[in-house]
PDB file of all heavy atoms in Angstrom:
ATOM      1  N   ARG A   1      77.302 180.639 134.995  1.00  0.00           N
ATOM      2  CA  ARG A   1      76.503 180.974 133.867  1.00  0.00           C
ATOM      3  C   ARG A   1      76.108 179.725 133.095  1.00  0.00           C
ATOM      4  O   ARG A   1      76.900 178.873 132.720  1.00  0.00           O
ATOM      5  CB  ARG A   1      77.229 181.853 132.853  1.00  0.00           C
ATOM      6  CG  ARG A   1      76.444 182.259 131.604  1.00  0.00           C
ATOM      7  CD  ARG A   1      77.305 183.257 130.748  1.00  0.00           C
ATOM      8  NE  ARG A   1      78.436 182.543 130.098  1.00  0.00           N
ATOM      9  CZ  ARG A   1      78.394 182.069 128.906  1.00  0.00           C
ATOM     10  NH1 ARG A   1      77.191 182.153 128.163  1.00  0.00           N
ATOM     11  NH2 ARG A   1      79.361 181.527 128.370  1.00  0.00           N
ATOM     12  N   LEU A   2      74.842 179.561 132.818  1.00  0.00           N
ATOM     13  CA  LEU A   2      74.245 178.310 132.250  1.00  0.00           C
ATOM     14  C   LEU A   2      74.328 178.392 130.665  1.00  0.00           C
ATOM     15  O   LEU A   2      73.833 179.416 130.083  1.00  0.00           O
ATOM     16  CB  LEU A   2      72.838 178.003 132.728  1.00  0.00           C
ATOM     17  CG  LEU A   2      72.227 176.716 132.197  1.00  0.00           C
ATOM     18  CD1 LEU A   2      71.333 176.127 133.299  1.00  0.00           C
ATOM     19  CD2 LEU A   2      71.357 176.930 130.921  1.00  0.00           C
ATOM     20  N   VAL A   3      74.839 177.380 130.084  1.00  0.00           N
ATOM     21  CA  VAL A   3      74.783 177.279 128.510  1.00  0.00           C
ATOM     22  C   VAL A   3      74.135 175.914 128.161  1.00  0.00           C
ATOM     23  O   VAL A   3      74.607 174.905 128.654  1.00  0.00           O
ATOM     24  CB  VAL A   3      76.287 177.342 128.074  1.00  0.00           C
ATOM     25  CG1 VAL A   3      76.237 177.171 126.515  1.00  0.00           C
ATOM     26  CG2 VAL A   3      77.045 178.513 128.447  1.00  0.00           C
ATOM     27  N   TRP A   4      73.172 176.057 127.450  1.00  0.00           N
ATOM     28  CA  TRP A   4      72.360 174.829 127.057  1.00  0.00           C
ATOM     29  C   TRP A   4      73.265 174.105 125.874  1.00  0.00           C
ATOM     30  O   TRP A   4      73.932 174.717 125.001  1.00  0.00           O
ATOM     31  CB  TRP A   4      71.066 175.162 126.375  1.00  0.00           C
ATOM     32  CG  TRP A   4      70.027 175.643 127.400  1.00  0.00           C
ATOM     33  CD1 TRP A   4      69.586 176.957 127.597  1.00  0.00           C
ATOM     34  CD2 TRP A   4      69.506 174.792 128.436  1.00  0.00           C
ATOM     35  NE1 TRP A   4      68.667 176.911 128.649  1.00  0.00           N
ATOM     36  CE2 TRP A   4      68.577 175.625 129.178  1.00  0.00           C
ATOM     37  CE3 TRP A   4      69.525 173.446 128.825  1.00  0.00           C
ATOM     38  CZ2 TRP A   4      67.878 175.160 130.249  1.00  0.00           C
ATOM     39  CZ3 TRP A   4      68.784 172.982 129.906  1.00  0.00           C
ATOM     40  CH2 TRP A   4      67.943 173.766 130.566  1.00  0.00           C
ATOM     41  N   LEU A   5      73.309 172.796 125.991  1.00  0.00           N
ATOM     42  CA  LEU A   5      74.048 172.003 125.017  1.00  0.00           C
ATOM     43  C   LEU A   5      73.025 171.284 124.106  1.00  0.00           C
ATOM     44  O   LEU A   5      72.169 170.479 124.615  1.00  0.00           O
ATOM     45  CB  LEU A   5      74.847 170.882 125.767  1.00  0.00           C
ATOM     46  CG  LEU A   5      75.748 171.443 126.819  1.00  0.00           C
ATOM     47  CD1 LEU A   5      76.480 170.278 127.512  1.00  0.00           C
ATOM     48  CD2 LEU A   5      76.812 172.404 126.189  1.00  0.00           C
ATOM     49  N   ASP A   6      72.996 171.641 122.796  1.00  0.00           N
ATOM     50  CA  ASP A   6      72.016 171.142 121.887  1.00  0.00           C
ATOM     51  C   ASP A   6      72.474 170.032 121.041  1.00  0.00           C
ATOM     52  O   ASP A   6      71.841 169.668 120.095  1.00  0.00           O
ATOM     53  CB  ASP A   6      71.575 172.396 121.059  1.00  0.00           C
ATOM     54  CG  ASP A   6      70.837 173.446 121.708  1.00  0.00           C
ATOM     55  OD1 ASP A   6      70.025 172.983 122.738  1.00  0.00           O
ATOM     56  OD2 ASP A   6      71.038 174.627 121.493  1.00  0.00           O
ATOM     57  N   ASP A   7      73.609 169.433 121.432  1.00  0.00           N
ATOM     58  CA  ASP A   7      74.145 168.291 120.712  1.00  0.00           C
ATOM     59  C   ASP A   7      73.720 167.016 121.287  1.00  0.00           C
ATOM     60  O   ASP A   7      74.365 165.923 120.998  1.00  0.00           O
ATOM     61  CB  ASP A   7      75.640 168.416 120.593  1.00  0.00           C
ATOM     62  CG  ASP A   7      76.335 168.442 121.933  1.00  0.00           C
ATOM     63  OD1 ASP A   7      75.594 168.529 122.941  1.00  0.00           O
ATOM     64  OD2 ASP A   7      77.597 168.211 122.060  1.00  0.00           O
ATOM     65  N   GLN A   8      72.669 166.948 122.163  1.00  0.00           N
ATOM     66  CA  GLN A   8      72.153 165.744 122.754  1.00  0.00           C
ATOM     67  C   GLN A   8      70.768 165.492 122.206  1.00  0.00           C
ATOM     68  O   GLN A   8      70.077 166.316 121.630  1.00  0.00           O
ATOM     69  CB  GLN A   8      72.161 165.933 124.216  1.00  0.00           C
ATOM     70  CG  GLN A   8      73.485 166.241 124.824  1.00  0.00           C
ATOM     71  CD  GLN A   8      74.410 165.018 124.878  1.00  0.00           C
ATOM     72  OE1 GLN A   8      73.978 163.928 124.768  1.00  0.00           O
ATOM     73  NE2 GLN A   8      75.717 165.258 124.819  1.00  0.00           N
ATOM     74  N   PRO A   9      70.227 164.268 122.401  1.00  0.00           N
ATOM     75  CA  PRO A   9      68.909 163.890 122.022  1.00  0.00           C
ATOM     76  C   PRO A   9      67.931 164.910 122.614  1.00  0.00           C
ATOM     77  O   PRO A   9      68.100 165.428 123.677  1.00  0.00           O
ATOM     78  CB  PRO A   9      68.709 162.480 122.526  1.00  0.00           C
ATOM     79  CG  PRO A   9      70.119 161.922 122.615  1.00  0.00           C
ATOM     80  CD  PRO A   9      70.988 163.016 122.940  1.00  0.00           C
ATOM     81  N   HIS A  10      66.756 165.038 121.949  1.00  0.00           N
ATOM     82  CA  HIS A  10      65.800 165.965 122.390  1.00  0.00           C
ATOM     83  C   HIS A  10      65.226 165.767 123.694  1.00  0.00           C
ATOM     84  O   HIS A  10      64.684 166.641 124.393  1.00  0.00           O
ATOM     85  CB  HIS A  10      64.686 166.144 121.368  1.00  0.00           C
ATOM     86  CG  HIS A  10      63.710 164.964 121.345  1.00  0.00           C
ATOM     87  ND1 HIS A  10      64.026 163.816 120.663  1.00  0.00           N
ATOM     88  CD2 HIS A  10      62.522 164.866 121.972  1.00  0.00           C
ATOM     89  CE1 HIS A  10      62.979 162.958 120.824  1.00  0.00           C
ATOM     90  NE2 HIS A  10      62.068 163.552 121.551  1.00  0.00           N
ATOM     91  N   ASP A  11      65.217 164.494 124.133  1.00  0.00           N
ATOM     92  CA  ASP A  11      64.587 164.152 125.375  1.00  0.00           C
ATOM     93  C   ASP A  11      65.609 164.171 126.614  1.00  0.00           C
ATOM     94  O   ASP A  11      65.293 163.577 127.714  1.00  0.00           O
ATOM     95  CB  ASP A  11      63.882 162.743 125.362  1.00  0.00           C
ATOM     96  CG  ASP A  11      64.838 161.726 124.927  1.00  0.00           C
ATOM     97  OD1 ASP A  11      66.023 161.924 124.559  1.00  0.00           O
ATOM     98  OD2 ASP A  11      64.376 160.447 124.974  1.00  0.00           O
ATOM     99  N   VAL A  12      66.744 164.783 126.378  1.00  0.00           N
ATOM    100  CA  VAL A  12      67.736 164.940 127.437  1.00  0.00           C
ATOM    101  C   VAL A  12      67.927 166.375 127.813  1.00  0.00           C
ATOM    102  O   VAL A  12      67.956 167.286 127.035  1.00  0.00           O
ATOM    103  CB  VAL A  12      69.089 164.305 126.967  1.00  0.00           C
ATOM    104  CG1 VAL A  12      70.241 164.529 127.940  1.00  0.00           C
ATOM    105  CG2 VAL A  12      69.008 162.857 126.677  1.00  0.00           C
ATOM    106  N   LEU A  13      68.011 166.608 129.053  1.00  0.00           N
ATOM    107  CA  LEU A  13      68.236 167.994 129.582  1.00  0.00           C
ATOM    108  C   LEU A  13      69.743 168.061 129.767  1.00  0.00           C
ATOM    109  O   LEU A  13      70.368 167.440 130.611  1.00  0.00           O
ATOM    110  CB  LEU A  13      67.624 168.108 130.917  1.00  0.00           C
ATOM    111  CG  LEU A  13      67.331 169.508 131.512  1.00  0.00           C
ATOM    112  CD1 LEU A  13      66.459 170.335 130.605  1.00  0.00           C
ATOM    113  CD2 LEU A  13      66.759 169.455 132.874  1.00  0.00           C
ATOM    114  N   ALA A  14      70.339 168.820 128.983  1.00  0.00           N
ATOM    115  CA  ALA A  14      71.893 168.970 128.801  1.00  0.00           C
ATOM    116  C   ALA A  14      72.203 170.367 128.905  1.00  0.00           C
ATOM    117  O   ALA A  14      71.884 171.257 128.061  1.00  0.00           O
ATOM    118  CB  ALA A  14      72.418 168.285 127.632  1.00  0.00           C
ATOM    119  N   PHE A  15      73.167 170.727 129.920  1.00  0.00           N
ATOM    120  CA  PHE A  15      73.633 172.057 129.954  1.00  0.00           C
ATOM    121  C   PHE A  15      75.034 172.081 130.652  1.00  0.00           C
ATOM    122  O   PHE A  15      75.391 171.101 131.338  1.00  0.00           O
ATOM    123  CB  PHE A  15      72.684 173.001 130.700  1.00  0.00           C
ATOM    124  CG  PHE A  15      72.287 172.639 132.108  1.00  0.00           C
ATOM    125  CD1 PHE A  15      73.057 173.119 133.268  1.00  0.00           C
ATOM    126  CD2 PHE A  15      71.284 171.773 132.355  1.00  0.00           C
ATOM    127  CE1 PHE A  15      72.739 172.728 134.525  1.00  0.00           C
ATOM    128  CE2 PHE A  15      70.927 171.411 133.619  1.00  0.00           C
ATOM    129  CZ  PHE A  15      71.588 171.920 134.772  1.00  0.00           C
ATOM    130  N   ARG A  16      75.770 173.115 130.516  1.00  0.00           N
ATOM    131  CA  ARG A  16      77.055 173.354 131.184  1.00  0.00           C
ATOM    132  C   ARG A  16      76.898 174.652 132.049  1.00  0.00           C
ATOM    133  O   ARG A  16      76.332 175.628 131.557  1.00  0.00           O
ATOM    134  CB  ARG A  16      78.115 173.480 130.207  1.00  0.00           C
ATOM    135  CG  ARG A  16      79.542 173.595 130.842  1.00  0.00           C
ATOM    136  CD  ARG A  16      80.687 173.406 129.815  1.00  0.00           C
ATOM    137  NE  ARG A  16      80.634 174.488 128.806  1.00  0.00           N
ATOM    138  CZ  ARG A  16      80.318 174.298 127.499  1.00  0.00           C
ATOM    139  NH1 ARG A  16      79.964 173.095 127.103  1.00  0.00           N
ATOM    140  NH2 ARG A  16      80.319 175.278 126.670  1.00  0.00           N
ATOM    141  N   VAL A  17      77.428 174.544 133.184  1.00  0.00           N
ATOM    142  CA  VAL A  17      77.579 175.792 134.031  1.00  0.00           C
ATOM    143  C   VAL A  17      78.998 176.207 134.148  1.00  0.00           C
ATOM    144  O   VAL A  17      79.819 175.411 134.656  1.00  0.00           O
ATOM    145  CB  VAL A  17      76.932 175.599 135.468  1.00  0.00           C
ATOM    146  CG1 VAL A  17      77.006 176.888 136.280  1.00  0.00           C
ATOM    147  CG2 VAL A  17      75.447 175.186 135.252  1.00  0.00           C
ATOM    148  N   GLU A  18      79.222 177.410 133.692  1.00  0.00           N
ATOM    149  CA  GLU A  18      80.683 177.950 133.730  1.00  0.00           C
ATOM    150  C   GLU A  18      80.767 178.884 134.765  1.00  0.00           C
ATOM    151  O   GLU A  18      80.073 179.848 134.870  1.00  0.00           O
ATOM    152  CB  GLU A  18      80.961 178.489 132.381  1.00  0.00           C
ATOM    153  CG  GLU A  18      80.768 177.472 131.173  1.00  0.00           C
ATOM    154  CD  GLU A  18      80.837 178.130 129.786  1.00  0.00           C
ATOM    155  OE1 GLU A  18      80.658 179.361 129.817  1.00  0.00           O
ATOM    156  OE2 GLU A  18      80.981 177.384 128.849  1.00  0.00           O
ATOM    157  N   SER A  19      81.830 178.886 135.473  1.00  0.00           N
ATOM    158  CA  SER A  19      82.150 179.874 136.584  1.00  0.00           C
ATOM    159  C   SER A  19      83.636 180.174 136.576  1.00  0.00           C
ATOM    160  O   SER A  19      84.439 179.522 135.850  1.00  0.00           O
ATOM    161  CB  SER A  19      81.736 179.409 137.935  1.00  0.00           C
ATOM    162  OG  SER A  19      82.681 178.383 138.452  1.00  0.00           O
ATOM    163  N   ASP A  20      84.065 181.064 137.482  1.00  0.00           N
ATOM    164  CA  ASP A  20      85.438 181.315 137.554  1.00  0.00           C
ATOM    165  C   ASP A  20      86.232 180.283 138.041  1.00  0.00           C
ATOM    166  O   ASP A  20      87.536 180.202 137.939  1.00  0.00           O
ATOM    167  CB  ASP A  20      85.660 182.583 138.536  1.00  0.00           C
ATOM    168  CG  ASP A  20      85.079 183.812 137.977  1.00  0.00           C
ATOM    169  OD1 ASP A  20      84.881 183.942 136.676  1.00  0.00           O
ATOM    170  OD2 ASP A  20      84.914 184.795 138.776  1.00  0.00           O
ATOM    171  N   GLU A  21      85.595 179.176 138.653  1.00  0.00           N
ATOM    172  CA  GLU A  21      86.198 177.942 139.191  1.00  0.00           C
ATOM    173  C   GLU A  21      86.273 176.780 138.199  1.00  0.00           C
ATOM    174  O   GLU A  21      86.596 175.652 138.611  1.00  0.00           O
ATOM    175  CB  GLU A  21      85.713 177.546 140.482  1.00  0.00           C
ATOM    176  CG  GLU A  21      85.665 178.641 141.534  1.00  0.00           C
ATOM    177  CD  GLU A  21      87.115 179.037 141.871  1.00  0.00           C
ATOM    178  OE1 GLU A  21      88.119 178.141 141.890  1.00  0.00           O
ATOM    179  OE2 GLU A  21      87.335 180.278 142.150  1.00  0.00           O
ATOM    180  N   GLY A  22      85.876 177.090 136.926  1.00  0.00           N
ATOM    181  CA  GLY A  22      85.805 175.937 135.972  1.00  0.00           C
ATOM    182  C   GLY A  22      84.439 175.790 135.486  1.00  0.00           C
ATOM    183  O   GLY A  22      83.513 176.643 135.509  1.00  0.00           O
ATOM    184  N   ALA A  23      84.089 174.603 134.948  1.00  0.00           N
ATOM    185  CA  ALA A  23      82.805 174.263 134.347  1.00  0.00           C
ATOM    186  C   ALA A  23      82.376 172.901 134.808  1.00  0.00           C
ATOM    187  O   ALA A  23      83.230 171.979 134.987  1.00  0.00           O
ATOM    188  CB  ALA A  23      82.872 174.351 132.864  1.00  0.00           C
ATOM    189  N   VAL A  24      81.028 172.625 134.848  1.00  0.00           N
ATOM    190  CA  VAL A  24      80.462 171.378 135.154  1.00  0.00           C
ATOM    191  C   VAL A  24      79.393 171.144 134.082  1.00  0.00           C
ATOM    192  O   VAL A  24      78.634 172.095 133.880  1.00  0.00           O
ATOM    193  CB  VAL A  24      79.868 171.309 136.586  1.00  0.00           C
ATOM    194  CG1 VAL A  24      79.151 169.925 136.694  1.00  0.00           C
ATOM    195  CG2 VAL A  24      80.997 171.315 137.579  1.00  0.00           C
ATOM    196  N   THR A  25      79.403 169.991 133.431  1.00  0.00           N
ATOM    197  CA  THR A  25      78.398 169.583 132.486  1.00  0.00           C
ATOM    198  C   THR A  25      77.348 168.740 133.203  1.00  0.00           C
ATOM    199  O   THR A  25      77.707 167.816 133.895  1.00  0.00           O
ATOM    200  CB  THR A  25      78.959 168.838 131.351  1.00  0.00           C
ATOM    201  OG1 THR A  25      79.868 169.709 130.586  1.00  0.00           O
ATOM    202  CG2 THR A  25      77.909 168.347 130.410  1.00  0.00           C
ATOM    203  N   VAL A  26      76.087 169.055 132.950  1.00  0.00           N
ATOM    204  CA  VAL A  26      74.970 168.308 133.572  1.00  0.00           C
ATOM    205  C   VAL A  26      74.204 167.617 132.481  1.00  0.00           C
ATOM    206  O   VAL A  26      73.624 168.229 131.605  1.00  0.00           O
ATOM    207  CB  VAL A  26      74.166 169.233 134.499  1.00  0.00           C
ATOM    208  CG1 VAL A  26      72.912 168.463 135.026  1.00  0.00           C
ATOM    209  CG2 VAL A  26      74.878 169.864 135.613  1.00  0.00           C
ATOM    210  N   LEU A  27      74.012 166.294 132.604  1.00  0.00           N
ATOM    211  CA  LEU A  27      73.229 165.498 131.741  1.00  0.00           C
ATOM    212  C   LEU A  27      72.060 164.898 132.539  1.00  0.00           C
ATOM    213  O   LEU A  27      72.293 163.963 133.348  1.00  0.00           O
ATOM    214  CB  LEU A  27      73.960 164.387 130.906  1.00  0.00           C
ATOM    215  CG  LEU A  27      75.139 164.942 130.077  1.00  0.00           C
ATOM    216  CD1 LEU A  27      75.882 163.803 129.566  1.00  0.00           C
ATOM    217  CD2 LEU A  27      74.622 165.911 129.021  1.00  0.00           C
ATOM    218  N   ALA A  28      70.828 165.204 132.329  1.00  0.00           N
ATOM    219  CA  ALA A  28      69.595 164.683 132.989  1.00  0.00           C
ATOM    220  C   ALA A  28      68.857 163.936 132.003  1.00  0.00           C
ATOM    221  O   ALA A  28      68.570 164.510 130.965  1.00  0.00           O
ATOM    222  CB  ALA A  28      68.839 165.759 133.772  1.00  0.00           C
ATOM    223  N   ASN A  29      68.306 162.771 132.370  1.00  0.00           N
ATOM    224  CA  ASN A  29      67.616 162.002 131.419  1.00  0.00           C
ATOM    225  C   ASN A  29      66.116 161.724 131.971  1.00  0.00           C
ATOM    226  O   ASN A  29      65.914 160.636 132.446  1.00  0.00           O
ATOM    227  CB  ASN A  29      68.385 160.697 131.173  1.00  0.00           C
ATOM    228  CG  ASN A  29      67.749 159.779 130.161  1.00  0.00           C
ATOM    229  OD1 ASN A  29      66.830 160.150 129.453  1.00  0.00           O
ATOM    230  ND2 ASN A  29      68.220 158.580 129.998  1.00  0.00           N
ATOM    231  N   PRO A  30      65.250 162.617 131.728  1.00  0.00           N
ATOM    232  CA  PRO A  30      63.767 162.261 132.160  1.00  0.00           C
ATOM    233  C   PRO A  30      63.245 161.387 131.075  1.00  0.00           C
ATOM    234  O   PRO A  30      61.980 161.030 131.320  1.00  0.00           O
ATOM    235  CB  PRO A  30      63.185 163.680 132.091  1.00  0.00           C
ATOM    236  CG  PRO A  30      64.288 164.691 132.184  1.00  0.00           C
ATOM    237  CD  PRO A  30      65.378 164.007 131.355  1.00  0.00           C
ATOM    238  N   GLY A  31      63.795 161.015 129.982  1.00  0.00           N
ATOM    239  CA  GLY A  31      63.288 160.274 128.931  1.00  0.00           C
ATOM    240  C   GLY A  31      63.255 158.794 129.243  1.00  0.00           C
ATOM    241  O   GLY A  31      63.477 158.292 130.417  1.00  0.00           O
ATOM    242  N   GLY A  32      62.951 157.953 128.224  1.00  0.00           N
ATOM    243  CA  GLY A  32      62.839 156.560 128.519  1.00  0.00           C
ATOM    244  C   GLY A  32      63.821 155.723 128.010  1.00  0.00           C
ATOM    245  O   GLY A  32      63.963 154.438 128.127  1.00  0.00           O
ATOM    246  N   SER A  33      65.039 156.219 127.370  1.00  0.00           N
ATOM    247  CA  SER A  33      66.072 155.434 126.919  1.00  0.00           C
ATOM    248  C   SER A  33      67.399 155.865 127.435  1.00  0.00           C
ATOM    249  O   SER A  33      67.626 157.062 127.785  1.00  0.00           O
ATOM    250  CB  SER A  33      66.113 155.669 125.350  1.00  0.00           C
ATOM    251  OG  SER A  33      64.960 155.274 124.733  1.00  0.00           O
ATOM    252  N   PRO A  34      68.380 154.872 127.638  1.00  0.00           N
ATOM    253  CA  PRO A  34      69.652 155.195 128.182  1.00  0.00           C
ATOM    254  C   PRO A  34      70.373 156.180 127.279  1.00  0.00           C
ATOM    255  O   PRO A  34      70.252 156.026 126.009  1.00  0.00           O
ATOM    256  CB  PRO A  34      70.382 153.986 128.308  1.00  0.00           C
ATOM    257  CG  PRO A  34      69.250 152.905 128.403  1.00  0.00           C
ATOM    258  CD  PRO A  34      68.135 153.452 127.518  1.00  0.00           C
ATOM    259  N   LEU A  35      71.228 157.076 127.790  1.00  0.00           N
ATOM    260  CA  LEU A  35      71.993 158.006 126.979  1.00  0.00           C
ATOM    261  C   LEU A  35      73.467 157.682 127.207  1.00  0.00           C
ATOM    262  O   LEU A  35      73.945 157.662 128.365  1.00  0.00           O
ATOM    263  CB  LEU A  35      71.753 159.460 127.510  1.00  0.00           C
ATOM    264  CG  LEU A  35      72.721 160.518 127.095  1.00  0.00           C
ATOM    265  CD1 LEU A  35      72.356 160.806 125.541  1.00  0.00           C
ATOM    266  CD2 LEU A  35      72.563 161.809 127.919  1.00  0.00           C
TER     267      LEU A  35
END
């Protein structure tokens, strides 16, 4: 199940995927500055 993470800069794609086997956080940076 995907949960958006809104505590990141607006130009970052941030979400967590939760399953019965745990969770993985994904941070993708299509923007122009390092995160």
